[in-house]
Amino acid sequence: MKNETRDNFGTTAPFSIAVLEKLKHSGFQYVQVKGFTSDKRLDYMEPRYLVLIPMKELPGDQGEIEIYESINSKLLVDWATHPRDGMDVLVSYNKKS
C-alpha cells in the first residue's frame, strides 16, 4: 500500500474477486469511485490509481453526487478478475472522515 492512499483513505487493499465477494456478502450495494494522480490530486481524466469506497446505499443529497458503480456491475467484475491490467484499483475499508 502506498502512503498516499493510507493518508486519504485509511486501510486499503488491492481489489480482487475475493474482495468483491466479501463486499457483496457484507451487504454493500455500491462503490464510490475516486481517481487520483501520483501527487494525490483527485483526477478522473488521467488517474494513476482508483480507490473504491464501499457503500450500502447511495446518498440522498444532490450535493453529494459523485461517481458510483453497482456492486454487481460487469465493470467491477472485470477490474476484480484482471487486477494487473491497466491502473491499480484499491478498495478502502475504513475511509477517514
N, C-alpha and C. Protein backbone atom coordinates (compact mmCIF):
# COMPACT_ATOMS: atom_id res chain seq x y z
N MET A 1 0.84 -1.18 0.00
CA MET A 1 0.00 0.00 0.00
C MET A 1 0.88 1.24 0.00
N LYS A 2 0.48 2.21 -0.74
CA LYS A 2 1.22 3.46 -0.81
C LYS A 2 0.79 4.39 0.32
N ASN A 3 1.72 5.21 0.80
CA ASN A 3 1.40 6.15 1.87
C ASN A 3 0.31 7.13 1.47
N GLU A 4 0.28 7.52 0.21
CA GLU A 4 -0.71 8.50 -0.23
C GLU A 4 -2.14 7.96 -0.08
N THR A 5 -2.36 6.68 -0.34
CA THR A 5 -3.70 6.14 -0.17
C THR A 5 -4.02 5.94 1.29
N ARG A 6 -3.03 5.56 2.09
CA ARG A 6 -3.25 5.40 3.52
C ARG A 6 -3.64 6.74 4.14
N ASP A 7 -2.99 7.82 3.72
CA ASP A 7 -3.30 9.14 4.25
C ASP A 7 -4.72 9.57 3.92
N ASN A 8 -5.20 9.25 2.74
CA ASN A 8 -6.52 9.69 2.31
C ASN A 8 -7.66 8.75 2.71
N PHE A 9 -7.40 7.45 2.79
CA PHE A 9 -8.49 6.51 2.95
C PHE A 9 -8.30 5.46 4.05
N GLY A 10 -7.32 5.58 4.89
CA GLY A 10 -7.13 4.57 5.92
C GLY A 10 -6.60 3.29 5.30
N THR A 11 -7.17 2.17 5.66
CA THR A 11 -6.72 0.88 5.18
C THR A 11 -7.25 0.60 3.78
N THR A 12 -6.36 0.28 2.87
CA THR A 12 -6.75 -0.11 1.52
C THR A 12 -6.15 -1.46 1.19
N ALA A 13 -6.75 -2.12 0.21
CA ALA A 13 -6.25 -3.41 -0.25
C ALA A 13 -6.47 -3.48 -1.75
N PRO A 14 -5.66 -4.27 -2.45
CA PRO A 14 -5.90 -4.45 -3.88
C PRO A 14 -7.28 -5.08 -4.10
N PHE A 15 -7.95 -4.63 -5.14
CA PHE A 15 -9.28 -5.13 -5.47
C PHE A 15 -9.14 -6.46 -6.20
N SER A 16 -9.89 -7.45 -5.78
CA SER A 16 -9.83 -8.79 -6.36
C SER A 16 -11.22 -9.43 -6.29
N ILE A 17 -11.37 -10.58 -6.89
CA ILE A 17 -12.65 -11.31 -6.84
C ILE A 17 -13.01 -11.63 -5.39
N ALA A 18 -12.03 -12.05 -4.59
CA ALA A 18 -12.30 -12.37 -3.18
C ALA A 18 -12.81 -11.14 -2.43
N VAL A 19 -12.21 -9.98 -2.69
CA VAL A 19 -12.64 -8.74 -2.04
C VAL A 19 -14.04 -8.38 -2.51
N LEU A 20 -14.32 -8.50 -3.80
CA LEU A 20 -15.65 -8.20 -4.33
C LEU A 20 -16.71 -9.08 -3.68
N GLU A 21 -16.43 -10.36 -3.56
CA GLU A 21 -17.38 -11.28 -2.93
C GLU A 21 -17.59 -10.93 -1.45
N LYS A 22 -16.52 -10.55 -0.77
CA LYS A 22 -16.64 -10.16 0.63
C LYS A 22 -17.54 -8.92 0.78
N LEU A 23 -17.37 -7.96 -0.13
CA LEU A 23 -18.21 -6.76 -0.09
C LEU A 23 -19.68 -7.11 -0.31
N LYS A 24 -19.94 -8.00 -1.27
CA LYS A 24 -21.32 -8.42 -1.53
C LYS A 24 -21.92 -9.11 -0.31
N HIS A 25 -21.17 -10.01 0.31
CA HIS A 25 -21.66 -10.73 1.49
C HIS A 25 -21.83 -9.82 2.70
N SER A 26 -21.13 -8.69 2.71
CA SER A 26 -21.26 -7.73 3.81
C SER A 26 -22.41 -6.76 3.60
N GLY A 27 -23.12 -6.89 2.49
CA GLY A 27 -24.30 -6.07 2.25
C GLY A 27 -24.06 -4.77 1.49
N PHE A 28 -22.87 -4.57 0.96
CA PHE A 28 -22.61 -3.36 0.19
C PHE A 28 -23.28 -3.46 -1.17
N GLN A 29 -23.89 -2.37 -1.60
CA GLN A 29 -24.62 -2.33 -2.87
C GLN A 29 -23.91 -1.51 -3.94
N TYR A 30 -23.04 -0.60 -3.53
CA TYR A 30 -22.36 0.32 -4.45
C TYR A 30 -20.93 0.55 -3.99
N VAL A 31 -20.13 1.07 -4.90
CA VAL A 31 -18.83 1.63 -4.53
C VAL A 31 -18.76 3.02 -5.13
N GLN A 32 -18.18 3.93 -4.39
CA GLN A 32 -17.87 5.25 -4.93
C GLN A 32 -16.48 5.12 -5.55
N VAL A 33 -16.31 5.64 -6.75
CA VAL A 33 -15.05 5.52 -7.48
C VAL A 33 -14.34 6.86 -7.46
N LYS A 34 -13.12 6.85 -6.95
CA LYS A 34 -12.30 8.07 -6.91
C LYS A 34 -10.99 7.79 -7.64
N GLY A 35 -10.62 8.69 -8.54
CA GLY A 35 -9.37 8.57 -9.29
C GLY A 35 -8.36 9.58 -8.79
N PHE A 36 -7.11 9.15 -8.67
CA PHE A 36 -6.06 10.02 -8.13
C PHE A 36 -4.80 9.96 -8.99
N THR A 37 -4.12 11.11 -9.04
CA THR A 37 -2.82 11.19 -9.70
C THR A 37 -1.74 10.77 -8.71
N SER A 38 -0.52 10.69 -9.18
CA SER A 38 0.58 10.29 -8.29
C SER A 38 0.84 11.31 -7.19
N ASP A 39 0.43 12.57 -7.40
CA ASP A 39 0.63 13.57 -6.35
C ASP A 39 -0.65 13.80 -5.52
N LYS A 40 -1.51 12.79 -5.49
CA LYS A 40 -2.70 12.73 -4.62
C LYS A 40 -3.82 13.69 -5.01
N ARG A 41 -3.81 14.20 -6.21
CA ARG A 41 -4.90 15.07 -6.64
C ARG A 41 -6.02 14.22 -7.23
N LEU A 42 -7.25 14.59 -6.91
CA LEU A 42 -8.41 13.93 -7.48
C LEU A 42 -8.42 14.24 -8.97
N ASP A 43 -8.44 13.21 -9.81
CA ASP A 43 -8.39 13.41 -11.25
C ASP A 43 -9.02 12.21 -11.94
N TYR A 44 -10.06 12.46 -12.71
CA TYR A 44 -10.72 11.37 -13.41
C TYR A 44 -10.27 11.25 -14.87
N MET A 45 -9.52 12.21 -15.38
CA MET A 45 -9.09 12.18 -16.77
C MET A 45 -7.83 11.33 -16.96
N GLU A 46 -6.85 11.47 -16.07
CA GLU A 46 -5.61 10.71 -16.18
C GLU A 46 -5.17 10.22 -14.80
N PRO A 47 -5.99 9.39 -14.15
CA PRO A 47 -5.61 8.93 -12.80
C PRO A 47 -4.50 7.89 -12.87
N ARG A 48 -3.73 7.83 -11.80
CA ARG A 48 -2.70 6.80 -11.68
C ARG A 48 -3.27 5.56 -11.01
N TYR A 49 -4.25 5.78 -10.11
CA TYR A 49 -4.91 4.65 -9.44
C TYR A 49 -6.33 5.05 -9.07
N LEU A 50 -7.16 4.03 -8.83
CA LEU A 50 -8.55 4.24 -8.41
C LEU A 50 -8.72 3.69 -7.00
N VAL A 51 -9.54 4.37 -6.22
CA VAL A 51 -9.90 3.88 -4.89
C VAL A 51 -11.41 3.70 -4.88
N LEU A 52 -11.86 2.52 -4.49
CA LEU A 52 -13.28 2.21 -4.39
C LEU A 52 -13.70 2.30 -2.93
N ILE A 53 -14.75 3.05 -2.67
CA ILE A 53 -15.25 3.22 -1.31
C ILE A 53 -16.59 2.52 -1.22
N PRO A 54 -16.68 1.39 -0.49
CA PRO A 54 -17.93 0.63 -0.41
C PRO A 54 -19.04 1.44 0.28
N MET A 55 -20.27 1.28 -0.24
CA MET A 55 -21.43 1.97 0.32
C MET A 55 -22.63 1.02 0.30
N LYS A 56 -23.42 1.09 1.36
CA LYS A 56 -24.62 0.25 1.41
C LYS A 56 -25.79 0.89 0.69
N GLU A 57 -25.80 2.22 0.60
CA GLU A 57 -26.83 2.91 -0.17
C GLU A 57 -26.25 4.22 -0.71
N LEU A 58 -26.89 4.72 -1.74
CA LEU A 58 -26.44 5.97 -2.33
C LEU A 58 -26.88 7.14 -1.46
N PRO A 59 -26.10 8.21 -1.40
CA PRO A 59 -26.52 9.37 -0.63
C PRO A 59 -27.75 10.02 -1.27
N GLY A 60 -28.63 10.55 -0.44
CA GLY A 60 -29.84 11.18 -0.93
C GLY A 60 -29.67 12.64 -1.28
N ASP A 61 -28.63 13.27 -0.78
CA ASP A 61 -28.40 14.70 -1.01
C ASP A 61 -27.82 14.93 -2.41
N GLN A 62 -28.46 15.79 -3.20
CA GLN A 62 -27.99 16.09 -4.55
C GLN A 62 -26.58 16.67 -4.55
N GLY A 63 -26.18 17.32 -3.47
CA GLY A 63 -24.84 17.90 -3.38
C GLY A 63 -23.76 16.85 -3.24
N GLU A 64 -24.11 15.62 -3.00
CA GLU A 64 -23.14 14.54 -2.82
C GLU A 64 -23.03 13.65 -4.06
N ILE A 65 -23.42 14.17 -5.19
CA ILE A 65 -23.35 13.37 -6.42
C ILE A 65 -21.89 13.19 -6.80
N GLU A 66 -21.49 11.96 -6.95
CA GLU A 66 -20.13 11.58 -7.32
C GLU A 66 -20.25 10.48 -8.36
N ILE A 67 -19.20 9.70 -8.56
CA ILE A 67 -19.24 8.56 -9.47
C ILE A 67 -19.42 7.30 -8.63
N TYR A 68 -20.50 6.57 -8.90
CA TYR A 68 -20.82 5.35 -8.18
C TYR A 68 -20.98 4.21 -9.18
N GLU A 69 -20.71 3.01 -8.72
CA GLU A 69 -20.90 1.82 -9.54
C GLU A 69 -21.59 0.76 -8.70
N SER A 70 -22.55 0.08 -9.30
CA SER A 70 -23.25 -1.00 -8.61
C SER A 70 -22.28 -2.13 -8.30
N ILE A 71 -22.43 -2.75 -7.16
CA ILE A 71 -21.54 -3.84 -6.74
C ILE A 71 -21.63 -5.03 -7.69
N ASN A 72 -22.73 -5.14 -8.43
CA ASN A 72 -22.94 -6.25 -9.36
C ASN A 72 -22.58 -5.90 -10.80
N SER A 73 -21.91 -4.79 -11.03
CA SER A 73 -21.64 -4.35 -12.40
C SER A 73 -20.55 -5.19 -13.06
N LYS A 74 -20.65 -5.29 -14.38
CA LYS A 74 -19.65 -6.01 -15.15
C LYS A 74 -18.28 -5.32 -15.04
N LEU A 75 -18.27 -4.00 -14.95
CA LEU A 75 -17.02 -3.26 -14.83
C LEU A 75 -16.25 -3.68 -13.58
N LEU A 76 -16.93 -3.76 -12.43
CA LEU A 76 -16.25 -4.18 -11.20
C LEU A 76 -15.76 -5.62 -11.30
N VAL A 77 -16.55 -6.48 -11.91
CA VAL A 77 -16.11 -7.87 -12.10
C VAL A 77 -14.86 -7.91 -12.96
N ASP A 78 -14.83 -7.11 -14.03
CA ASP A 78 -13.64 -7.06 -14.89
C ASP A 78 -12.42 -6.57 -14.12
N TRP A 79 -12.58 -5.49 -13.35
CA TRP A 79 -11.46 -4.98 -12.55
C TRP A 79 -10.96 -6.02 -11.56
N ALA A 80 -11.89 -6.72 -10.92
CA ALA A 80 -11.52 -7.72 -9.91
C ALA A 80 -10.87 -8.96 -10.55
N THR A 81 -11.33 -9.33 -11.73
CA THR A 81 -10.82 -10.52 -12.41
C THR A 81 -9.43 -10.30 -12.99
N HIS A 82 -9.15 -9.06 -13.41
CA HIS A 82 -7.87 -8.75 -14.06
C HIS A 82 -7.17 -7.61 -13.32
N PRO A 83 -6.70 -7.86 -12.10
CA PRO A 83 -6.14 -6.78 -11.29
C PRO A 83 -4.85 -6.18 -11.83
N ARG A 84 -4.14 -6.85 -12.70
CA ARG A 84 -2.86 -6.34 -13.20
C ARG A 84 -3.01 -5.65 -14.56
N ASP A 85 -4.22 -5.57 -15.09
CA ASP A 85 -4.45 -4.88 -16.36
C ASP A 85 -4.76 -3.42 -16.08
N GLY A 86 -4.05 -2.52 -16.74
CA GLY A 86 -4.32 -1.10 -16.57
C GLY A 86 -3.80 -0.56 -15.25
N MET A 87 -4.55 0.38 -14.67
CA MET A 87 -4.10 1.04 -13.43
C MET A 87 -4.46 0.22 -12.20
N ASP A 88 -3.85 0.57 -11.08
CA ASP A 88 -4.16 -0.08 -9.81
C ASP A 88 -5.55 0.30 -9.35
N VAL A 89 -6.29 -0.69 -8.84
CA VAL A 89 -7.60 -0.45 -8.25
C VAL A 89 -7.53 -0.97 -6.82
N LEU A 90 -7.82 -0.07 -5.87
CA LEU A 90 -7.78 -0.41 -4.45
C LEU A 90 -9.17 -0.24 -3.86
N VAL A 91 -9.43 -0.95 -2.78
CA VAL A 91 -10.68 -0.77 -2.05
C VAL A 91 -10.35 -0.23 -0.67
N SER A 92 -11.13 0.73 -0.21
CA SER A 92 -10.93 1.34 1.10
C SER A 92 -11.83 0.62 2.11
N TYR A 93 -11.24 0.25 3.24
CA TYR A 93 -12.02 -0.45 4.26
C TYR A 93 -12.50 0.45 5.39
N ASN A 94 -11.88 1.57 5.60
CA ASN A 94 -12.35 2.49 6.65
C ASN A 94 -11.92 3.91 6.31
N LYS A 95 -12.70 4.51 5.43
CA LYS A 95 -12.40 5.87 4.98
C LYS A 95 -12.37 6.83 6.17
N LYS A 96 -11.37 7.68 6.20
CA LYS A 96 -11.30 8.72 7.24
C LYS A 96 -12.28 9.81 6.89
N SER A 97 -12.90 10.41 7.92
CA SER A 97 -13.88 11.49 7.81
C SER A 97 -15.18 10.99 7.35
